[in-house]
């Protein structure tokens, strides 16, 4: 892929125009609450939550909505941009389950990066009766990983990870189970993390704020 080719990443993607469609059947924290958590306006917050739900469905087959059955072909229609998430939910009479999601962090790429991204990371519980699959065209394989296992593979250079993925795995790996991760998410203060690039000759290192070499408090 043009961005992060060869990397092991979490499911996700960009907000698209359909993610700005208002969804009336919504349970859990409203957009204004997500806006306060993520430090953005409520319209963008709603779009970020919808994008997270849509991308998880497209890439994993897990739909953070219910109760009810997903219409046949809905996943393929979403991937092909023939419908929006709002269309899928409305047709099936499903409610978006924002209560299953928690905001975890927000990362902004260094200013001198050739591609700039402002990315929100979420954690979520898989709804009862659903299971993630590996039916995605955006990866050569897909699987469940325990955070510690993924980090061990990365240290042995068996997989490649970007800095936000490494840090997120380290953070969630500190917790014993999914419920502990959700509780930790509720207690987190989310401020944008802005890595910086430190260049020495022909070499470059990406450093986190707070690294002694950056002088950032």
N, C-alpha and C. Protein backbone atom coordinates (compact mmCIF):
# COMPACT_ATOMS: atom_id res chain seq x y z
N UNK A 1 0.84 -1.19 0.00
CA UNK A 1 0.00 0.00 0.00
C UNK A 1 0.88 1.24 0.00
N UNK A 2 0.31 2.35 -0.40
CA UNK A 2 1.08 3.59 -0.48
C UNK A 2 1.55 4.04 0.90
N UNK A 3 0.77 3.75 1.92
CA UNK A 3 1.15 4.13 3.29
C UNK A 3 1.22 2.87 4.14
N UNK A 4 2.32 2.72 4.86
CA UNK A 4 2.53 1.60 5.79
C UNK A 4 2.58 0.24 5.11
N UNK A 5 3.04 0.21 3.87
CA UNK A 5 3.20 -1.06 3.18
C UNK A 5 4.14 -1.98 3.95
N UNK A 6 3.76 -3.25 4.11
CA UNK A 6 4.58 -4.22 4.81
C UNK A 6 4.45 -4.20 6.31
N UNK A 7 3.72 -3.25 6.85
CA UNK A 7 3.57 -3.12 8.29
C UNK A 7 2.40 -3.97 8.81
N UNK A 8 2.52 -4.41 10.06
CA UNK A 8 1.40 -5.01 10.76
C UNK A 8 0.67 -3.88 11.49
N UNK A 9 -0.60 -3.71 11.23
CA UNK A 9 -1.35 -2.57 11.74
C UNK A 9 -2.69 -3.02 12.31
N UNK A 10 -3.33 -2.11 13.04
CA UNK A 10 -4.70 -2.35 13.49
C UNK A 10 -5.66 -2.10 12.34
N UNK A 11 -6.86 -2.68 12.39
CA UNK A 11 -7.88 -2.32 11.41
C UNK A 11 -8.15 -0.82 11.48
N UNK A 12 -8.44 -0.23 10.35
CA UNK A 12 -8.73 1.20 10.37
C UNK A 12 -8.59 1.81 8.99
N UNK A 13 -8.84 3.09 8.91
CA UNK A 13 -8.74 3.80 7.65
C UNK A 13 -9.20 5.23 7.80
N UNK A 14 -9.41 5.88 6.69
CA UNK A 14 -9.74 7.30 6.68
C UNK A 14 -11.24 7.53 6.84
N UNK A 15 -11.58 8.68 7.39
CA UNK A 15 -12.96 9.14 7.40
C UNK A 15 -13.36 9.45 5.96
N UNK A 16 -14.51 8.96 5.52
CA UNK A 16 -14.98 9.33 4.18
C UNK A 16 -16.26 10.14 4.27
N UNK A 17 -16.74 10.58 3.14
CA UNK A 17 -17.89 11.50 3.13
C UNK A 17 -19.12 10.88 3.78
N UNK A 18 -19.30 9.57 3.60
CA UNK A 18 -20.47 8.91 4.19
C UNK A 18 -20.46 8.88 5.69
N UNK A 19 -19.28 9.02 6.29
CA UNK A 19 -19.18 8.98 7.76
C UNK A 19 -19.71 10.26 8.40
N UNK A 20 -19.99 11.26 7.59
CA UNK A 20 -20.57 12.51 8.11
C UNK A 20 -22.10 12.48 8.09
N UNK A 21 -22.67 11.40 7.60
CA UNK A 21 -24.13 11.25 7.60
C UNK A 21 -24.63 11.07 9.03
N UNK A 22 -25.66 11.77 9.40
CA UNK A 22 -26.20 11.64 10.75
C UNK A 22 -26.86 10.29 10.94
N UNK A 23 -26.54 9.63 12.04
CA UNK A 23 -27.16 8.36 12.39
C UNK A 23 -28.04 8.59 13.62
N UNK A 24 -29.32 8.42 13.47
CA UNK A 24 -30.25 8.70 14.57
C UNK A 24 -30.31 7.56 15.59
N UNK A 25 -30.19 6.32 15.10
CA UNK A 25 -30.23 5.17 16.01
C UNK A 25 -28.83 4.95 16.57
N UNK A 26 -28.56 5.57 17.68
CA UNK A 26 -27.22 5.63 18.26
C UNK A 26 -27.36 5.45 19.76
N UNK A 27 -26.66 4.47 20.33
CA UNK A 27 -26.69 4.29 21.77
C UNK A 27 -25.29 4.39 22.33
N UNK A 28 -25.19 4.94 23.54
CA UNK A 28 -23.87 5.18 24.13
C UNK A 28 -23.56 6.66 24.13
N UNK A 29 -22.31 7.03 24.44
CA UNK A 29 -21.95 8.44 24.51
C UNK A 29 -22.29 9.17 23.21
N UNK A 30 -22.94 10.33 23.30
CA UNK A 30 -23.30 11.08 22.09
C UNK A 30 -22.06 11.77 21.50
N UNK A 31 -22.18 12.29 20.27
CA UNK A 31 -21.03 12.94 19.63
C UNK A 31 -20.39 14.04 20.47
N UNK A 32 -21.18 14.79 21.24
CA UNK A 32 -20.59 15.86 22.04
C UNK A 32 -19.66 15.30 23.10
N UNK A 33 -19.96 14.12 23.63
CA UNK A 33 -19.09 13.50 24.62
C UNK A 33 -17.80 13.00 23.97
N UNK A 34 -17.91 12.44 22.76
CA UNK A 34 -16.71 12.02 22.03
C UNK A 34 -15.85 13.22 21.67
N UNK A 35 -16.48 14.33 21.36
CA UNK A 35 -15.73 15.54 21.03
C UNK A 35 -14.89 15.99 22.21
N UNK A 36 -15.47 15.93 23.40
CA UNK A 36 -14.72 16.31 24.60
C UNK A 36 -13.55 15.37 24.85
N UNK A 37 -13.74 14.09 24.57
CA UNK A 37 -12.67 13.11 24.79
C UNK A 37 -11.54 13.29 23.79
N UNK A 38 -11.89 13.57 22.53
CA UNK A 38 -10.89 13.58 21.46
C UNK A 38 -10.35 14.97 21.15
N UNK A 39 -10.96 16.01 21.73
CA UNK A 39 -10.47 17.36 21.51
C UNK A 39 -10.77 17.89 20.12
N UNK A 40 -11.99 17.64 19.63
CA UNK A 40 -12.39 18.13 18.31
C UNK A 40 -13.86 18.53 18.37
N UNK A 41 -14.42 19.04 17.28
CA UNK A 41 -15.83 19.41 17.30
C UNK A 41 -16.70 18.16 17.20
N UNK A 42 -17.98 18.31 17.54
CA UNK A 42 -18.84 17.14 17.65
C UNK A 42 -19.12 16.49 16.29
N UNK A 43 -19.11 17.27 15.22
CA UNK A 43 -19.35 16.69 13.90
C UNK A 43 -18.21 15.77 13.50
N UNK A 44 -16.96 16.21 13.73
CA UNK A 44 -15.82 15.35 13.42
C UNK A 44 -15.80 14.15 14.35
N UNK A 45 -16.14 14.35 15.62
CA UNK A 45 -16.16 13.24 16.57
C UNK A 45 -17.14 12.16 16.12
N UNK A 46 -18.32 12.57 15.69
CA UNK A 46 -19.30 11.59 15.20
C UNK A 46 -18.77 10.85 13.99
N UNK A 47 -18.10 11.57 13.09
CA UNK A 47 -17.54 10.94 11.89
C UNK A 47 -16.42 9.96 12.25
N UNK A 48 -15.61 10.28 13.25
CA UNK A 48 -14.54 9.39 13.68
C UNK A 48 -15.10 8.09 14.25
N UNK A 49 -16.15 8.19 15.06
CA UNK A 49 -16.77 6.99 15.61
C UNK A 49 -17.38 6.15 14.49
N UNK A 50 -18.08 6.80 13.57
CA UNK A 50 -18.67 6.06 12.46
C UNK A 50 -17.60 5.40 11.60
N UNK A 51 -16.50 6.10 11.34
CA UNK A 51 -15.42 5.53 10.54
C UNK A 51 -14.82 4.32 11.24
N UNK A 52 -14.67 4.40 12.56
CA UNK A 52 -14.13 3.26 13.31
C UNK A 52 -15.05 2.05 13.20
N UNK A 53 -16.35 2.28 13.32
CA UNK A 53 -17.33 1.20 13.22
C UNK A 53 -17.34 0.63 11.80
N UNK A 54 -17.36 1.51 10.82
CA UNK A 54 -17.40 1.06 9.41
C UNK A 54 -16.15 0.27 9.04
N UNK A 55 -14.97 0.81 9.38
CA UNK A 55 -13.72 0.13 9.00
C UNK A 55 -13.59 -1.23 9.69
N UNK A 56 -14.04 -1.31 10.94
CA UNK A 56 -13.99 -2.59 11.65
C UNK A 56 -14.87 -3.62 10.96
N UNK A 57 -16.02 -3.18 10.48
CA UNK A 57 -16.92 -4.07 9.76
C UNK A 57 -16.32 -4.47 8.41
N UNK A 58 -15.81 -3.49 7.67
CA UNK A 58 -15.24 -3.78 6.35
C UNK A 58 -14.06 -4.73 6.43
N UNK A 59 -13.18 -4.51 7.39
CA UNK A 59 -11.92 -5.26 7.44
C UNK A 59 -12.00 -6.53 8.28
N UNK A 60 -12.92 -6.58 9.23
CA UNK A 60 -12.97 -7.74 10.15
C UNK A 60 -14.31 -8.47 10.14
N UNK A 61 -15.34 -7.87 9.56
CA UNK A 61 -16.65 -8.49 9.60
C UNK A 61 -17.36 -8.35 10.94
N UNK A 62 -16.81 -7.51 11.82
CA UNK A 62 -17.42 -7.25 13.13
C UNK A 62 -18.15 -5.92 13.05
N UNK A 63 -19.45 -5.93 13.31
CA UNK A 63 -20.25 -4.71 13.25
C UNK A 63 -20.65 -4.31 14.67
N UNK A 64 -20.17 -3.17 15.10
CA UNK A 64 -20.47 -2.67 16.44
C UNK A 64 -21.84 -2.00 16.42
N UNK A 65 -22.85 -2.84 16.26
CA UNK A 65 -24.23 -2.37 16.17
C UNK A 65 -25.14 -3.52 16.54
N UNK A 66 -26.40 -3.20 16.78
CA UNK A 66 -27.36 -4.26 17.10
C UNK A 66 -28.60 -3.67 17.77
N UNK A 67 -29.51 -4.49 18.24
CA UNK A 67 -29.55 -5.94 17.96
C UNK A 67 -30.19 -6.20 16.60
N UNK A 68 -29.94 -7.38 16.05
CA UNK A 68 -30.51 -7.73 14.76
C UNK A 68 -29.47 -8.33 13.85
N UNK A 69 -29.88 -8.64 12.65
CA UNK A 69 -29.02 -9.30 11.68
C UNK A 69 -28.57 -8.31 10.62
N UNK A 70 -27.34 -8.47 10.16
CA UNK A 70 -26.78 -7.61 9.12
C UNK A 70 -27.29 -8.09 7.77
N UNK A 71 -27.76 -7.16 6.92
CA UNK A 71 -28.26 -7.57 5.60
C UNK A 71 -27.17 -8.26 4.77
N UNK A 72 -27.55 -9.28 4.02
CA UNK A 72 -26.61 -9.97 3.15
C UNK A 72 -26.03 -9.00 2.14
N UNK A 73 -24.73 -9.07 1.95
CA UNK A 73 -24.07 -8.21 0.97
C UNK A 73 -23.74 -6.82 1.46
N UNK A 74 -24.11 -6.49 2.71
CA UNK A 74 -23.88 -5.14 3.20
C UNK A 74 -22.39 -4.81 3.29
N UNK A 75 -21.60 -5.77 3.70
CA UNK A 75 -20.16 -5.53 3.84
C UNK A 75 -19.55 -5.21 2.48
N UNK A 76 -19.88 -5.99 1.47
CA UNK A 76 -19.34 -5.76 0.13
C UNK A 76 -19.81 -4.42 -0.44
N UNK A 77 -21.07 -4.07 -0.14
CA UNK A 77 -21.60 -2.79 -0.63
C UNK A 77 -20.88 -1.62 0.02
N UNK A 78 -20.55 -1.74 1.31
CA UNK A 78 -19.80 -0.69 1.98
C UNK A 78 -18.40 -0.54 1.38
N UNK A 79 -17.73 -1.67 1.19
CA UNK A 79 -16.37 -1.63 0.64
C UNK A 79 -16.36 -0.99 -0.74
N UNK A 80 -17.40 -1.25 -1.53
CA UNK A 80 -17.50 -0.72 -2.88
C UNK A 80 -18.06 0.70 -2.92
N UNK A 81 -18.38 1.26 -1.74
CA UNK A 81 -18.92 2.62 -1.63
C UNK A 81 -20.28 2.76 -2.32
N UNK A 82 -21.04 1.66 -2.37
CA UNK A 82 -22.39 1.74 -2.91
C UNK A 82 -23.39 2.21 -1.88
N UNK A 83 -23.04 2.04 -0.61
CA UNK A 83 -23.91 2.47 0.49
C UNK A 83 -23.04 3.09 1.58
N UNK A 84 -23.68 3.73 2.54
CA UNK A 84 -22.98 4.26 3.71
C UNK A 84 -23.31 3.40 4.92
N UNK A 85 -22.56 3.59 6.00
CA UNK A 85 -22.87 2.87 7.23
C UNK A 85 -24.28 3.20 7.69
N UNK A 86 -24.67 4.46 7.57
CA UNK A 86 -26.02 4.85 7.95
C UNK A 86 -27.08 4.11 7.16
N UNK A 87 -26.82 3.89 5.86
CA UNK A 87 -27.76 3.14 5.02
C UNK A 87 -27.91 1.71 5.52
N UNK A 88 -26.78 1.07 5.84
CA UNK A 88 -26.79 -0.31 6.29
C UNK A 88 -27.57 -0.45 7.59
N UNK A 89 -27.29 0.44 8.54
CA UNK A 89 -27.97 0.35 9.83
C UNK A 89 -29.46 0.61 9.70
N UNK A 90 -29.83 1.61 8.90
CA UNK A 90 -31.24 1.95 8.75
C UNK A 90 -32.01 0.82 8.08
N UNK A 91 -31.43 0.22 7.06
CA UNK A 91 -32.12 -0.86 6.35
C UNK A 91 -32.38 -2.05 7.26
N UNK A 92 -31.44 -2.34 8.15
CA UNK A 92 -31.57 -3.51 9.04
C UNK A 92 -32.23 -3.18 10.36
N UNK A 93 -32.51 -1.89 10.61
CA UNK A 93 -33.08 -1.50 11.89
C UNK A 93 -32.11 -1.66 13.04
N UNK A 94 -30.82 -1.46 12.76
CA UNK A 94 -29.78 -1.63 13.77
C UNK A 94 -29.40 -0.31 14.40
N UNK A 95 -28.92 -0.38 15.64
CA UNK A 95 -28.47 0.80 16.37
C UNK A 95 -26.95 0.77 16.49
N UNK A 96 -26.32 1.89 16.17
CA UNK A 96 -24.87 1.99 16.34
C UNK A 96 -24.54 1.91 17.83
N UNK A 97 -23.62 1.01 18.20
CA UNK A 97 -23.29 0.75 19.60
C UNK A 97 -22.03 1.53 20.01
N UNK A 98 -22.17 2.83 20.17
CA UNK A 98 -21.04 3.64 20.62
C UNK A 98 -20.62 3.27 22.03
N UNK A 99 -21.51 2.59 22.77
CA UNK A 99 -21.17 2.18 24.13
C UNK A 99 -20.12 1.07 24.16
N UNK A 100 -19.90 0.40 23.02
CA UNK A 100 -18.88 -0.65 22.96
C UNK A 100 -17.48 -0.10 22.74
N UNK A 101 -17.39 1.16 22.34
CA UNK A 101 -16.12 1.80 22.01
C UNK A 101 -15.61 2.66 23.15
N UNK A 102 -14.29 2.79 23.22
CA UNK A 102 -13.64 3.75 24.11
C UNK A 102 -12.52 4.42 23.33
N UNK A 103 -12.37 5.72 23.52
CA UNK A 103 -11.24 6.42 22.91
C UNK A 103 -9.97 6.06 23.68
N UNK A 104 -8.89 5.82 22.96
CA UNK A 104 -7.63 5.44 23.60
C UNK A 104 -6.56 6.51 23.43
N UNK A 105 -6.36 6.99 22.22
CA UNK A 105 -5.30 7.98 22.00
C UNK A 105 -5.53 8.70 20.69
N UNK A 106 -4.71 9.72 20.47
CA UNK A 106 -4.75 10.47 19.22
C UNK A 106 -3.31 10.80 18.84
N UNK A 107 -2.93 10.47 17.62
CA UNK A 107 -1.57 10.66 17.13
C UNK A 107 -1.58 11.55 15.88
N UNK A 108 -0.63 12.47 15.82
CA UNK A 108 -0.47 13.35 14.66
C UNK A 108 0.95 13.17 14.12
N UNK A 109 1.08 12.92 12.83
CA UNK A 109 2.39 12.66 12.23
C UNK A 109 3.29 13.90 12.29
N UNK A 110 4.61 13.68 12.28
CA UNK A 110 5.55 14.82 12.29
C UNK A 110 5.31 15.75 11.10
N UNK A 111 5.62 17.01 11.30
CA UNK A 111 5.33 18.01 10.28
C UNK A 111 6.07 17.77 8.98
N UNK A 112 7.25 17.15 9.04
CA UNK A 112 8.01 16.93 7.81
C UNK A 112 7.72 15.58 7.17
N UNK A 113 6.69 14.88 7.63
CA UNK A 113 6.32 13.62 7.00
C UNK A 113 5.72 13.87 5.62
N UNK A 114 6.04 13.01 4.65
CA UNK A 114 5.47 13.21 3.31
C UNK A 114 3.96 13.06 3.28
N UNK A 115 3.40 12.26 4.19
CA UNK A 115 1.95 12.13 4.33
C UNK A 115 1.59 12.50 5.76
N UNK A 116 0.61 13.37 5.93
CA UNK A 116 0.21 13.82 7.26
C UNK A 116 -1.09 13.15 7.68
N UNK A 117 -1.14 12.68 8.91
CA UNK A 117 -2.33 12.04 9.44
C UNK A 117 -2.60 12.52 10.86
N UNK A 118 -3.87 12.67 11.17
CA UNK A 118 -4.34 12.96 12.52
C UNK A 118 -5.28 11.79 12.85
N UNK A 119 -4.80 10.87 13.68
CA UNK A 119 -5.48 9.58 13.83
C UNK A 119 -5.96 9.36 15.26
N UNK A 120 -7.22 8.96 15.38
CA UNK A 120 -7.78 8.58 16.67
C UNK A 120 -7.76 7.06 16.78
N UNK A 121 -7.30 6.55 17.93
CA UNK A 121 -7.29 5.12 18.20
C UNK A 121 -8.39 4.81 19.21
N UNK A 122 -9.12 3.72 18.94
CA UNK A 122 -10.19 3.27 19.82
C UNK A 122 -9.92 1.83 20.25
N UNK A 123 -10.47 1.46 21.40
CA UNK A 123 -10.56 0.05 21.79
C UNK A 123 -12.04 -0.29 21.87
N UNK A 124 -12.35 -1.57 21.67
CA UNK A 124 -13.77 -1.96 21.65
C UNK A 124 -13.95 -3.41 22.03
N UNK A 125 -15.11 -3.73 22.54
CA UNK A 125 -15.51 -5.11 22.78
C UNK A 125 -16.26 -5.65 21.56
N UNK A 126 -15.94 -6.87 21.17
CA UNK A 126 -16.68 -7.51 20.08
C UNK A 126 -18.05 -7.91 20.61
N UNK A 127 -19.12 -7.55 19.92
CA UNK A 127 -20.47 -7.92 20.39
C UNK A 127 -20.64 -9.43 20.49
N UNK A 128 -21.48 -9.84 21.43
CA UNK A 128 -21.79 -11.26 21.57
C UNK A 128 -22.32 -11.84 20.26
N UNK A 129 -21.85 -13.03 19.93
CA UNK A 129 -22.33 -13.70 18.73
C UNK A 129 -21.57 -13.34 17.47
N UNK A 130 -20.60 -12.43 17.54
CA UNK A 130 -19.82 -12.05 16.37
C UNK A 130 -18.37 -12.52 16.53
N UNK A 131 -17.71 -12.70 15.40
CA UNK A 131 -16.30 -13.12 15.40
C UNK A 131 -15.58 -12.45 14.25
N UNK A 132 -14.38 -11.99 14.51
CA UNK A 132 -13.59 -11.36 13.46
C UNK A 132 -13.08 -12.41 12.49
N UNK A 133 -13.02 -12.04 11.21
CA UNK A 133 -12.49 -12.95 10.20
C UNK A 133 -11.29 -12.29 9.51
N UNK A 134 -10.76 -12.96 8.53
CA UNK A 134 -9.57 -12.45 7.82
C UNK A 134 -9.92 -12.11 6.37
N UNK A 135 -11.17 -11.79 6.11
CA UNK A 135 -11.61 -11.54 4.74
C UNK A 135 -11.45 -10.07 4.39
N UNK A 136 -10.23 -9.66 4.17
CA UNK A 136 -9.95 -8.28 3.78
C UNK A 136 -8.99 -8.28 2.61
N UNK A 137 -9.20 -7.35 1.70
CA UNK A 137 -8.30 -7.21 0.55
C UNK A 137 -7.15 -6.26 0.83
N UNK A 138 -7.14 -5.67 2.03
CA UNK A 138 -6.12 -4.67 2.34
C UNK A 138 -4.92 -5.25 3.08
N UNK A 139 -4.91 -6.56 3.30
CA UNK A 139 -3.79 -7.18 4.01
C UNK A 139 -3.57 -8.59 3.47
N UNK A 140 -2.34 -9.06 3.59
CA UNK A 140 -2.04 -10.42 3.13
C UNK A 140 -2.52 -11.45 4.14
N UNK A 141 -2.69 -11.05 5.39
CA UNK A 141 -3.25 -11.92 6.41
C UNK A 141 -3.81 -11.07 7.54
N UNK A 142 -4.68 -11.66 8.34
CA UNK A 142 -5.26 -10.98 9.49
C UNK A 142 -5.42 -12.00 10.60
N UNK A 143 -5.17 -11.58 11.83
CA UNK A 143 -5.23 -12.52 12.95
C UNK A 143 -5.38 -11.77 14.26
N UNK A 144 -5.82 -12.50 15.30
CA UNK A 144 -5.80 -11.96 16.66
C UNK A 144 -4.39 -12.10 17.23
N UNK A 145 -3.93 -11.08 17.92
CA UNK A 145 -2.63 -11.11 18.58
C UNK A 145 -2.80 -10.68 20.02
N UNK A 146 -2.12 -11.36 20.94
CA UNK A 146 -1.98 -10.79 22.27
C UNK A 146 -0.91 -9.72 22.18
N UNK A 147 -1.09 -8.56 22.84
CA UNK A 147 -0.10 -7.48 22.72
C UNK A 147 1.34 -7.92 22.98
N UNK A 148 1.54 -8.72 24.02
CA UNK A 148 2.90 -9.16 24.36
C UNK A 148 3.48 -10.01 23.23
N UNK A 149 2.65 -10.88 22.66
CA UNK A 149 3.11 -11.74 21.57
C UNK A 149 3.51 -10.91 20.36
N UNK A 150 2.70 -9.92 20.01
CA UNK A 150 3.02 -9.07 18.86
C UNK A 150 4.32 -8.32 19.08
N UNK A 151 4.53 -7.81 20.28
CA UNK A 151 5.76 -7.07 20.57
C UNK A 151 6.99 -7.98 20.53
N UNK A 152 6.83 -9.21 20.99
CA UNK A 152 7.94 -10.16 20.92
C UNK A 152 8.32 -10.45 19.47
N UNK A 153 7.33 -10.62 18.61
CA UNK A 153 7.60 -10.86 17.20
C UNK A 153 8.28 -9.65 16.57
N UNK A 154 7.86 -8.47 16.98
CA UNK A 154 8.48 -7.24 16.47
C UNK A 154 9.94 -7.14 16.90
N UNK A 155 10.22 -7.46 18.15
CA UNK A 155 11.61 -7.39 18.64
C UNK A 155 12.49 -8.41 17.93
N UNK A 156 11.91 -9.54 17.53
CA UNK A 156 12.68 -10.54 16.78
C UNK A 156 12.71 -10.22 15.29
N UNK A 157 12.12 -9.09 14.91
CA UNK A 157 12.07 -8.62 13.53
C UNK A 157 11.31 -9.57 12.61
N UNK A 158 10.34 -10.25 13.19
CA UNK A 158 9.48 -11.12 12.40
C UNK A 158 8.33 -10.34 11.77
N UNK A 159 7.97 -9.21 12.38
CA UNK A 159 6.96 -8.30 11.83
C UNK A 159 7.49 -6.88 11.97
N UNK A 160 6.92 -5.97 11.19
CA UNK A 160 7.29 -4.55 11.26
C UNK A 160 6.12 -3.77 11.83
N UNK A 161 6.42 -2.88 12.77
CA UNK A 161 5.40 -2.06 13.41
C UNK A 161 5.81 -0.60 13.37
N UNK A 162 4.82 0.28 13.21
CA UNK A 162 5.07 1.71 13.32
C UNK A 162 5.02 2.12 14.79
N UNK A 163 5.63 3.27 15.08
CA UNK A 163 5.74 3.73 16.46
C UNK A 163 4.39 3.80 17.18
N UNK A 164 3.34 4.38 16.60
CA UNK A 164 2.06 4.41 17.32
C UNK A 164 1.54 3.01 17.67
N UNK A 165 1.77 2.04 16.78
CA UNK A 165 1.33 0.67 17.04
C UNK A 165 2.12 0.07 18.19
N UNK A 166 3.43 0.28 18.18
CA UNK A 166 4.27 -0.24 19.26
C UNK A 166 3.82 0.33 20.60
N UNK A 167 3.66 1.64 20.65
CA UNK A 167 3.29 2.28 21.92
C UNK A 167 1.91 1.82 22.39
N UNK A 168 0.97 1.70 21.47
CA UNK A 168 -0.37 1.26 21.84
C UNK A 168 -0.36 -0.17 22.36
N UNK A 169 0.39 -1.05 21.71
CA UNK A 169 0.50 -2.42 22.19
C UNK A 169 1.14 -2.47 23.58
N UNK A 170 2.15 -1.64 23.81
CA UNK A 170 2.77 -1.60 25.13
C UNK A 170 1.76 -1.16 26.19
N UNK A 171 0.95 -0.16 25.84
CA UNK A 171 -0.02 0.37 26.81
C UNK A 171 -1.12 -0.63 27.13
N UNK A 172 -1.73 -1.22 26.09
CA UNK A 172 -2.83 -2.15 26.38
C UNK A 172 -2.30 -3.46 26.95
N UNK A 173 -1.04 -3.78 26.66
CA UNK A 173 -0.44 -5.00 27.20
C UNK A 173 -0.21 -4.95 28.69
N UNK A 174 -0.33 -3.77 29.29
CA UNK A 174 -0.18 -3.63 30.74
C UNK A 174 -1.41 -4.13 31.50
N UNK A 175 -2.48 -4.45 30.78
CA UNK A 175 -3.75 -4.81 31.42
C UNK A 175 -4.08 -6.28 31.20
N UNK A 176 -4.74 -6.88 32.18
CA UNK A 176 -4.94 -8.33 32.20
C UNK A 176 -5.98 -8.81 31.20
N UNK A 177 -7.00 -8.01 30.96
CA UNK A 177 -8.07 -8.48 30.07
C UNK A 177 -8.78 -7.29 29.45
N UNK A 178 -9.78 -7.60 28.62
CA UNK A 178 -10.47 -6.56 27.87
C UNK A 178 -11.19 -5.57 28.79
N UNK A 179 -11.80 -6.09 29.86
CA UNK A 179 -12.51 -5.19 30.78
C UNK A 179 -11.54 -4.21 31.43
N UNK A 180 -10.33 -4.67 31.74
CA UNK A 180 -9.34 -3.78 32.33
C UNK A 180 -8.88 -2.73 31.34
N UNK A 181 -8.80 -3.10 30.06
CA UNK A 181 -8.44 -2.13 29.03
C UNK A 181 -9.50 -1.05 28.92
N UNK A 182 -10.77 -1.45 28.93
CA UNK A 182 -11.86 -0.46 28.85
C UNK A 182 -11.84 0.48 30.05
N UNK A 183 -11.61 -0.07 31.23
CA UNK A 183 -11.55 0.77 32.43
C UNK A 183 -10.38 1.75 32.34
N UNK A 184 -9.25 1.28 31.81
CA UNK A 184 -8.09 2.16 31.66
C UNK A 184 -8.37 3.25 30.64
N UNK A 185 -9.11 2.91 29.58
CA UNK A 185 -9.45 3.90 28.56
C UNK A 185 -10.29 5.02 29.16
N UNK A 186 -11.23 4.66 30.02
CA UNK A 186 -12.09 5.68 30.64
C UNK A 186 -11.29 6.64 31.51
N UNK A 187 -10.18 6.16 32.07
CA UNK A 187 -9.39 6.98 32.98
C UNK A 187 -8.31 7.80 32.28
N UNK A 188 -8.10 7.57 30.99
CA UNK A 188 -7.03 8.26 30.28
C UNK A 188 -7.39 9.70 29.93
N UNK A 189 -6.40 10.57 29.98
CA UNK A 189 -6.52 11.92 29.45
C UNK A 189 -5.90 11.91 28.07
N UNK A 190 -6.69 12.25 27.06
CA UNK A 190 -6.22 12.14 25.67
C UNK A 190 -5.74 13.50 25.18
N UNK A 191 -4.47 13.57 24.89
CA UNK A 191 -3.88 14.75 24.25
C UNK A 191 -3.14 14.26 23.01
N UNK A 192 -3.15 15.04 21.93
CA UNK A 192 -2.45 14.59 20.72
C UNK A 192 -0.99 14.29 20.98
N UNK A 193 -0.55 13.12 20.53
CA UNK A 193 0.86 12.74 20.61
C UNK A 193 1.51 13.11 19.27
N UNK A 194 2.56 13.90 19.34
CA UNK A 194 3.21 14.40 18.12
C UNK A 194 4.68 13.95 18.11
N UNK A 195 4.98 12.81 17.51
CA UNK A 195 6.38 12.39 17.41
C UNK A 195 7.19 13.41 16.62
N UNK A 196 8.48 13.43 16.87
CA UNK A 196 9.37 14.32 16.13
C UNK A 196 10.49 13.50 15.52
N UNK A 197 11.00 13.98 14.40
CA UNK A 197 12.08 13.30 13.69
C UNK A 197 13.40 13.98 14.04
N UNK A 198 14.34 13.19 14.53
CA UNK A 198 15.68 13.69 14.84
C UNK A 198 16.65 13.10 13.82
N UNK A 199 17.33 13.96 13.08
CA UNK A 199 18.21 13.50 12.01
C UNK A 199 19.66 13.66 12.42
N UNK A 200 20.45 12.62 12.15
CA UNK A 200 21.89 12.63 12.39
C UNK A 200 22.56 12.12 11.12
N UNK A 201 23.09 13.05 10.33
CA UNK A 201 23.66 12.65 9.04
C UNK A 201 22.59 12.10 8.14
N UNK A 202 22.80 10.86 7.66
CA UNK A 202 21.83 10.22 6.77
C UNK A 202 20.79 9.40 7.52
N UNK A 203 20.89 9.37 8.84
CA UNK A 203 19.97 8.56 9.63
C UNK A 203 18.93 9.45 10.31
N UNK A 204 17.75 8.87 10.50
CA UNK A 204 16.65 9.59 11.16
C UNK A 204 16.01 8.70 12.20
N UNK A 205 15.70 9.27 13.34
CA UNK A 205 15.01 8.55 14.41
C UNK A 205 13.73 9.29 14.74
N UNK A 206 12.65 8.54 14.92
CA UNK A 206 11.38 9.13 15.33
C UNK A 206 11.27 9.01 16.84
N UNK A 207 11.12 10.14 17.51
CA UNK A 207 11.14 10.17 18.96
C UNK A 207 9.82 10.69 19.50
N UNK A 208 9.45 10.17 20.66
CA UNK A 208 8.22 10.63 21.30
C UNK A 208 8.47 11.85 22.16
N UNK A 209 7.47 12.71 22.30
CA UNK A 209 7.58 13.81 23.26
C UNK A 209 7.95 13.28 24.64
N UNK A 210 8.83 13.98 25.31
CA UNK A 210 9.30 13.51 26.60
C UNK A 210 10.65 12.83 26.52
N UNK A 211 11.09 12.49 25.30
CA UNK A 211 12.43 11.91 25.14
C UNK A 211 13.46 12.96 25.50
N UNK A 212 14.50 12.63 26.27
CA UNK A 212 15.49 13.61 26.71
C UNK A 212 16.13 14.39 25.56
N UNK A 213 16.27 13.77 24.41
CA UNK A 213 16.92 14.45 23.30
C UNK A 213 16.07 15.53 22.65
N UNK A 214 14.77 15.58 23.01
CA UNK A 214 13.87 16.54 22.39
C UNK A 214 13.68 17.80 23.23
N UNK A 215 13.89 17.67 24.50
CA UNK A 215 13.65 18.82 25.37
C UNK A 215 12.20 19.19 25.49
N UNK A 216 11.29 18.21 25.29
CA UNK A 216 9.85 18.45 25.39
C UNK A 216 9.36 17.95 26.72
N UNK A 217 8.67 18.78 27.50
CA UNK A 217 8.22 18.32 28.83
C UNK A 217 7.18 17.21 28.72
